[in-house]
N, C-alpha and C. Protein backbone atom coordinates (compact mmCIF):
# COMPACT_ATOMS: atom_id res chain seq x y z
N MET A 1 26.36 -63.51 32.68
CA MET A 1 25.44 -63.68 31.70
C MET A 1 24.53 -64.70 31.83
N SER A 2 23.37 -64.55 31.92
CA SER A 2 22.35 -65.62 32.41
C SER A 2 22.11 -66.51 30.81
N VAL A 3 21.59 -67.66 31.10
CA VAL A 3 21.27 -68.78 30.06
C VAL A 3 19.70 -68.62 30.30
N SER A 4 18.92 -68.62 28.95
CA SER A 4 17.51 -68.91 28.78
C SER A 4 17.23 -70.28 28.57
N ALA A 5 16.04 -70.57 29.19
CA ALA A 5 15.23 -71.76 29.18
C ALA A 5 15.36 -72.37 27.69
N ALA A 6 14.81 -71.44 26.66
CA ALA A 6 14.96 -71.63 25.45
C ALA A 6 16.28 -72.07 24.69
N GLU A 7 17.36 -71.46 25.09
CA GLU A 7 18.38 -71.70 24.75
C GLU A 7 18.78 -73.12 25.06
N LEU A 8 18.43 -73.22 26.45
CA LEU A 8 18.80 -74.83 27.01
C LEU A 8 18.04 -75.91 26.10
N THR A 9 16.84 -75.63 25.90
CA THR A 9 15.91 -76.78 25.44
C THR A 9 16.15 -77.10 23.94
N ALA A 10 16.97 -75.99 23.37
CA ALA A 10 17.24 -76.16 22.10
C ALA A 10 18.50 -76.77 21.76
N LYS A 11 19.06 -77.30 22.89
CA LYS A 11 20.48 -78.09 23.00
C LYS A 11 20.13 -79.36 23.00
N LYS A 12 21.04 -80.61 22.82
CA LYS A 12 21.09 -81.69 23.21
C LYS A 12 22.17 -82.28 24.00
N CYS A 13 21.98 -83.11 25.06
CA CYS A 13 23.18 -83.43 25.95
C CYS A 13 24.26 -84.10 25.23
N THR A 14 25.35 -83.91 25.73
CA THR A 14 26.46 -84.41 24.81
C THR A 14 27.24 -85.29 26.46
N ALA A 15 28.10 -86.15 25.81
CA ALA A 15 28.72 -87.03 26.65
C ALA A 15 29.68 -86.16 27.36
N CYS A 16 29.98 -86.57 28.73
CA CYS A 16 30.89 -85.99 29.53
C CYS A 16 31.87 -87.05 30.18
N GLU A 17 32.94 -86.57 30.03
CA GLU A 17 33.84 -87.61 30.39
C GLU A 17 34.56 -87.18 31.72
N GLY A 18 35.38 -88.02 32.40
CA GLY A 18 35.93 -87.37 33.57
C GLY A 18 36.88 -86.25 33.63
N ASP A 19 37.40 -85.89 32.37
CA ASP A 19 38.26 -84.83 32.27
C ASP A 19 37.39 -83.30 32.04
N THR A 20 35.99 -83.60 31.88
CA THR A 20 35.19 -82.23 31.79
C THR A 20 35.11 -81.76 33.20
N PRO A 21 35.28 -80.41 33.24
CA PRO A 21 35.41 -79.76 34.56
C PRO A 21 33.96 -79.67 34.83
N ALA A 22 33.65 -79.83 36.32
CA ALA A 22 32.31 -79.32 36.67
C ALA A 22 32.02 -77.95 36.87
N PHE A 23 30.75 -77.50 36.67
CA PHE A 23 30.39 -76.14 36.68
C PHE A 23 31.02 -75.25 37.77
N THR A 24 31.49 -74.33 37.68
CA THR A 24 31.86 -73.43 38.81
C THR A 24 30.46 -72.66 39.33
N LYS A 25 30.47 -72.21 40.52
CA LYS A 25 29.30 -71.48 41.15
C LYS A 25 28.64 -70.32 40.20
N ASP A 26 29.73 -69.56 39.62
CA ASP A 26 29.21 -68.65 38.91
C ASP A 26 28.21 -69.25 37.40
N ARG A 27 28.76 -70.27 37.05
CA ARG A 27 28.09 -70.93 35.60
C ARG A 27 26.96 -71.65 36.32
N ILE A 28 26.99 -72.09 37.63
CA ILE A 28 25.81 -72.59 38.07
C ILE A 28 24.47 -71.60 38.10
N THR A 29 25.00 -70.44 38.87
CA THR A 29 24.17 -69.33 39.03
C THR A 29 23.85 -68.93 37.58
N GLU A 30 24.27 -68.67 36.49
CA GLU A 30 23.73 -68.20 35.59
C GLU A 30 22.78 -69.27 34.69
N HIS A 31 22.91 -70.57 34.95
CA HIS A 31 22.21 -71.48 34.46
C HIS A 31 20.89 -71.57 35.40
N LEU A 32 20.98 -71.54 36.72
CA LEU A 32 19.73 -71.65 37.28
C LEU A 32 18.88 -70.64 37.23
N THR A 33 18.90 -69.62 36.52
CA THR A 33 18.14 -68.51 36.39
C THR A 33 17.19 -68.89 35.10
N ALA A 34 17.62 -69.88 34.28
CA ALA A 34 16.93 -70.43 33.22
C ALA A 34 15.80 -71.50 33.89
N VAL A 35 15.93 -72.15 34.93
CA VAL A 35 15.29 -73.28 35.66
C VAL A 35 14.87 -72.69 37.20
N PRO A 36 14.21 -71.64 37.48
CA PRO A 36 13.98 -70.98 38.72
C PRO A 36 13.20 -72.14 39.62
N GLU A 37 12.28 -73.10 39.23
CA GLU A 37 12.14 -74.22 40.14
C GLU A 37 12.86 -75.15 40.76
N TRP A 38 14.08 -75.21 40.04
CA TRP A 38 15.07 -75.93 40.63
C TRP A 38 15.94 -75.26 41.58
N GLU A 39 16.34 -76.31 43.01
CA GLU A 39 17.03 -75.73 43.77
C GLU A 39 18.39 -76.42 43.78
N LEU A 40 19.30 -75.50 43.96
CA LEU A 40 20.83 -76.24 44.02
C LEU A 40 21.00 -76.94 45.47
N ALA A 41 21.81 -77.87 45.51
CA ALA A 41 21.65 -78.80 46.99
C ALA A 41 22.76 -78.11 47.69
N ASP A 42 22.74 -78.09 48.83
CA ASP A 42 23.83 -77.40 49.59
C ASP A 42 25.18 -77.80 49.33
N ASP A 43 25.61 -78.79 48.78
CA ASP A 43 26.70 -79.20 48.36
C ASP A 43 27.18 -78.55 46.79
N GLY A 44 26.50 -77.94 46.16
CA GLY A 44 26.48 -77.44 44.96
C GLY A 44 26.84 -78.43 44.02
N LYS A 45 26.44 -79.89 44.24
CA LYS A 45 26.68 -80.72 43.22
C LYS A 45 25.53 -81.18 42.54
N LEU A 46 24.35 -81.04 42.85
CA LEU A 46 23.19 -81.28 42.19
C LEU A 46 22.08 -80.18 42.23
N ILE A 47 20.90 -80.47 41.34
CA ILE A 47 19.72 -79.53 41.48
C ILE A 47 18.66 -80.42 41.52
N ARG A 48 17.55 -79.88 42.09
CA ARG A 48 16.58 -80.57 42.56
C ARG A 48 15.31 -79.93 42.23
N ARG A 49 14.28 -80.68 42.10
CA ARG A 49 12.90 -80.29 41.76
C ARG A 49 12.00 -81.14 42.51
N LYS A 50 10.93 -80.57 43.32
CA LYS A 50 9.82 -81.38 43.82
C LYS A 50 8.66 -80.99 43.09
N TYR A 51 7.59 -81.95 43.19
CA TYR A 51 6.18 -82.00 42.73
C TYR A 51 5.45 -82.60 43.55
N LYS A 52 4.11 -82.24 43.64
CA LYS A 52 2.99 -82.99 44.21
C LYS A 52 1.86 -83.27 43.43
N PHE A 53 1.63 -84.35 43.20
CA PHE A 53 0.47 -84.71 42.06
C PHE A 53 -0.74 -85.18 42.89
N LYS A 54 -1.91 -85.27 42.14
CA LYS A 54 -3.14 -85.67 43.11
C LYS A 54 -3.21 -87.14 43.38
N ASP A 55 -2.54 -87.84 42.64
CA ASP A 55 -2.45 -89.09 43.04
C ASP A 55 -1.51 -90.13 42.41
N PHE A 56 -1.38 -91.26 42.55
CA PHE A 56 -0.14 -92.31 42.38
C PHE A 56 -0.07 -92.31 40.90
N VAL A 57 -1.33 -92.60 40.21
CA VAL A 57 -1.17 -92.85 38.67
C VAL A 57 -0.68 -91.57 37.82
N THR A 58 -1.06 -90.31 38.24
CA THR A 58 -0.59 -89.03 37.79
C THR A 58 0.83 -88.82 37.76
N ALA A 59 1.35 -89.14 38.98
CA ALA A 59 2.50 -89.39 39.50
C ALA A 59 3.62 -90.24 38.56
N MET A 60 3.13 -91.36 38.53
CA MET A 60 4.08 -92.46 37.84
C MET A 60 3.92 -91.95 36.18
N ALA A 61 2.85 -91.66 35.90
CA ALA A 61 2.79 -91.16 34.25
C ALA A 61 3.60 -90.01 34.17
N PHE A 62 3.85 -89.14 35.09
CA PHE A 62 4.57 -88.09 34.88
C PHE A 62 6.01 -88.46 34.88
N LEU A 63 6.69 -89.35 35.77
CA LEU A 63 7.93 -90.00 36.11
C LEU A 63 8.20 -90.94 34.59
N GLN A 64 7.14 -91.29 34.10
CA GLN A 64 7.30 -92.23 32.62
C GLN A 64 7.84 -91.00 31.53
N LYS A 65 7.36 -89.93 31.68
CA LYS A 65 7.55 -88.84 30.64
C LYS A 65 8.96 -88.33 30.76
N VAL A 66 9.41 -88.40 31.85
CA VAL A 66 10.81 -88.20 32.52
C VAL A 66 11.64 -89.06 31.90
N ALA A 67 11.30 -90.39 32.11
CA ALA A 67 12.04 -91.51 31.74
C ALA A 67 12.50 -91.46 30.44
N VAL A 68 11.45 -91.18 29.50
CA VAL A 68 11.55 -91.24 28.17
C VAL A 68 12.46 -90.00 27.56
N LEU A 69 12.15 -89.12 28.39
CA LEU A 69 12.91 -87.71 27.81
C LEU A 69 14.52 -88.00 28.19
N ALA A 70 14.71 -88.51 29.48
CA ALA A 70 16.26 -88.89 29.96
C ALA A 70 16.74 -89.76 28.97
N GLU A 71 16.07 -91.01 28.58
CA GLU A 71 16.80 -91.84 27.35
C GLU A 71 16.66 -91.05 26.22
N GLU A 72 16.16 -90.22 25.71
CA GLU A 72 16.30 -89.37 24.51
C GLU A 72 17.70 -88.62 24.52
N GLU A 73 17.76 -88.26 25.76
CA GLU A 73 19.02 -87.27 26.12
C GLU A 73 20.26 -87.79 26.59
N GLU A 74 20.02 -89.19 26.90
CA GLU A 74 21.22 -90.21 27.32
C GLU A 74 21.83 -89.45 28.39
N HIS A 75 20.82 -88.98 29.23
CA HIS A 75 21.44 -88.15 30.66
C HIS A 75 20.14 -88.45 31.73
N HIS A 76 20.36 -89.17 32.74
CA HIS A 76 19.45 -89.94 33.54
C HIS A 76 19.40 -89.14 35.00
N PRO A 77 18.42 -88.56 35.46
CA PRO A 77 18.26 -88.09 36.68
C PRO A 77 17.89 -89.12 37.86
N ASP A 78 17.98 -89.00 39.14
CA ASP A 78 17.54 -89.83 40.09
C ASP A 78 16.14 -89.20 40.19
N LEU A 79 15.43 -90.40 40.18
CA LEU A 79 13.79 -90.26 40.45
C LEU A 79 13.40 -90.68 41.54
N HIS A 80 12.55 -90.06 42.50
CA HIS A 80 12.35 -90.37 43.82
C HIS A 80 10.42 -90.24 43.99
N LEU A 81 10.03 -91.29 44.21
CA LEU A 81 8.66 -91.29 44.59
C LEU A 81 8.39 -91.55 46.08
N THR A 82 7.70 -90.41 46.73
CA THR A 82 7.35 -90.86 48.13
C THR A 82 5.80 -90.64 48.34
N GLY A 83 5.39 -91.02 49.56
CA GLY A 83 4.12 -90.87 49.77
C GLY A 83 3.12 -91.08 48.78
N TYR A 84 3.41 -92.09 47.77
CA TYR A 84 2.44 -92.26 46.43
C TYR A 84 2.13 -91.05 45.48
N LYS A 85 2.51 -89.72 46.09
CA LYS A 85 2.13 -88.94 44.93
C LYS A 85 3.17 -87.68 45.00
N ASN A 86 4.36 -87.73 45.82
CA ASN A 86 5.39 -86.69 45.83
C ASN A 86 6.63 -87.22 45.07
N VAL A 87 6.81 -86.36 44.06
CA VAL A 87 7.90 -86.77 43.22
C VAL A 87 9.13 -85.64 43.23
N ALA A 88 10.25 -86.03 43.49
CA ALA A 88 11.68 -85.42 43.46
C ALA A 88 12.58 -85.83 42.58
N ILE A 89 13.12 -85.17 41.64
CA ILE A 89 13.93 -85.38 40.64
C ILE A 89 15.29 -84.65 40.88
N GLU A 90 16.41 -85.39 40.97
CA GLU A 90 17.61 -84.89 41.11
C GLU A 90 18.45 -85.15 40.08
N LEU A 91 19.23 -83.99 39.54
CA LEU A 91 20.00 -83.96 38.47
C LEU A 91 21.67 -83.75 38.87
N SER A 92 22.43 -84.37 38.42
CA SER A 92 23.98 -84.49 38.68
C SER A 92 24.57 -85.24 37.29
N THR A 93 25.96 -84.70 37.24
CA THR A 93 26.73 -85.28 36.04
C THR A 93 27.75 -86.37 37.09
N HIS A 94 27.17 -87.57 37.23
CA HIS A 94 28.19 -88.32 38.04
C HIS A 94 29.54 -88.64 37.56
N ALA A 95 29.92 -88.67 36.21
CA ALA A 95 31.22 -88.73 35.87
C ALA A 95 32.34 -87.83 36.09
N ILE A 96 31.48 -86.56 36.54
CA ILE A 96 32.53 -85.24 36.98
C ILE A 96 32.12 -84.97 38.01
N GLY A 97 31.33 -85.54 38.92
CA GLY A 97 31.07 -85.18 40.47
C GLY A 97 30.43 -83.90 40.56
N GLY A 98 29.84 -83.26 39.82
CA GLY A 98 29.10 -82.05 39.80
C GLY A 98 27.99 -81.97 38.64
N LEU A 99 27.83 -80.55 38.66
CA LEU A 99 27.00 -80.28 37.43
C LEU A 99 27.70 -79.80 36.12
N SER A 100 27.02 -80.05 35.20
CA SER A 100 27.41 -79.63 33.73
C SER A 100 26.31 -79.28 33.16
N ALA A 101 26.38 -78.89 31.65
CA ALA A 101 25.43 -78.54 30.97
C ALA A 101 24.31 -79.32 30.87
N ASN A 102 24.54 -80.51 30.65
CA ASN A 102 23.66 -81.45 30.56
C ASN A 102 22.50 -81.55 31.63
N ASP A 103 22.86 -81.23 32.90
CA ASP A 103 21.93 -81.21 33.88
C ASP A 103 20.90 -80.08 33.66
N PHE A 104 21.19 -79.04 33.09
CA PHE A 104 20.34 -77.89 32.90
C PHE A 104 19.79 -77.90 31.74
N ILE A 105 20.08 -78.82 30.76
CA ILE A 105 19.29 -79.00 29.45
C ILE A 105 18.05 -79.89 29.90
N VAL A 106 18.58 -80.91 30.68
CA VAL A 106 17.42 -81.80 30.89
C VAL A 106 16.34 -81.20 31.84
N ALA A 107 16.86 -80.48 32.79
CA ALA A 107 15.78 -79.78 33.60
C ALA A 107 15.07 -78.83 32.85
N ALA A 108 15.58 -77.95 32.04
CA ALA A 108 14.63 -77.06 31.20
C ALA A 108 13.61 -77.92 30.33
N LYS A 109 14.15 -79.14 29.96
CA LYS A 109 13.21 -79.78 29.12
C LYS A 109 12.21 -80.67 29.95
N ILE A 110 12.48 -80.83 31.10
CA ILE A 110 11.55 -81.68 32.08
C ILE A 110 10.73 -80.49 32.31
N ASP A 111 11.02 -79.29 32.58
CA ASP A 111 10.04 -78.00 32.91
C ASP A 111 9.02 -77.90 31.76
N LYS A 112 9.24 -78.52 30.61
CA LYS A 112 8.28 -78.14 29.37
C LYS A 112 7.39 -79.44 29.06
N LEU A 113 7.58 -80.51 30.15
CA LEU A 113 6.66 -81.55 30.21
C LEU A 113 5.27 -81.25 30.82
N PRO A 114 4.26 -81.76 30.31
CA PRO A 114 3.19 -81.39 30.94
C PRO A 114 2.75 -82.07 32.06
N VAL A 115 2.30 -81.53 33.43
CA VAL A 115 2.32 -81.66 34.38
C VAL A 115 0.81 -82.21 34.82
């Protein structure tokens, strides 16, 4: 049963503790359909999306929007800026060593940010 982007964006991240199980491969697959621009890492422990902006200022403005969203959700991605206009965002739930609903909630909300 797949999950929709609308379902994810309607949710709020909740704190994960070490005893929260990471998503299984099936749950990851169900959630990836809602965020098709995101790729699953080979190890299955994070999702990643890449962007290319017209310039440094635009890339940084987008990263600032992501930072504000991450603070609101209390779930923080790894943000990468390379070549002054290439952005990569990686989401993983570090406390559980894998992916959780929070990663997909934040991914869906990032997808709604103006680029």
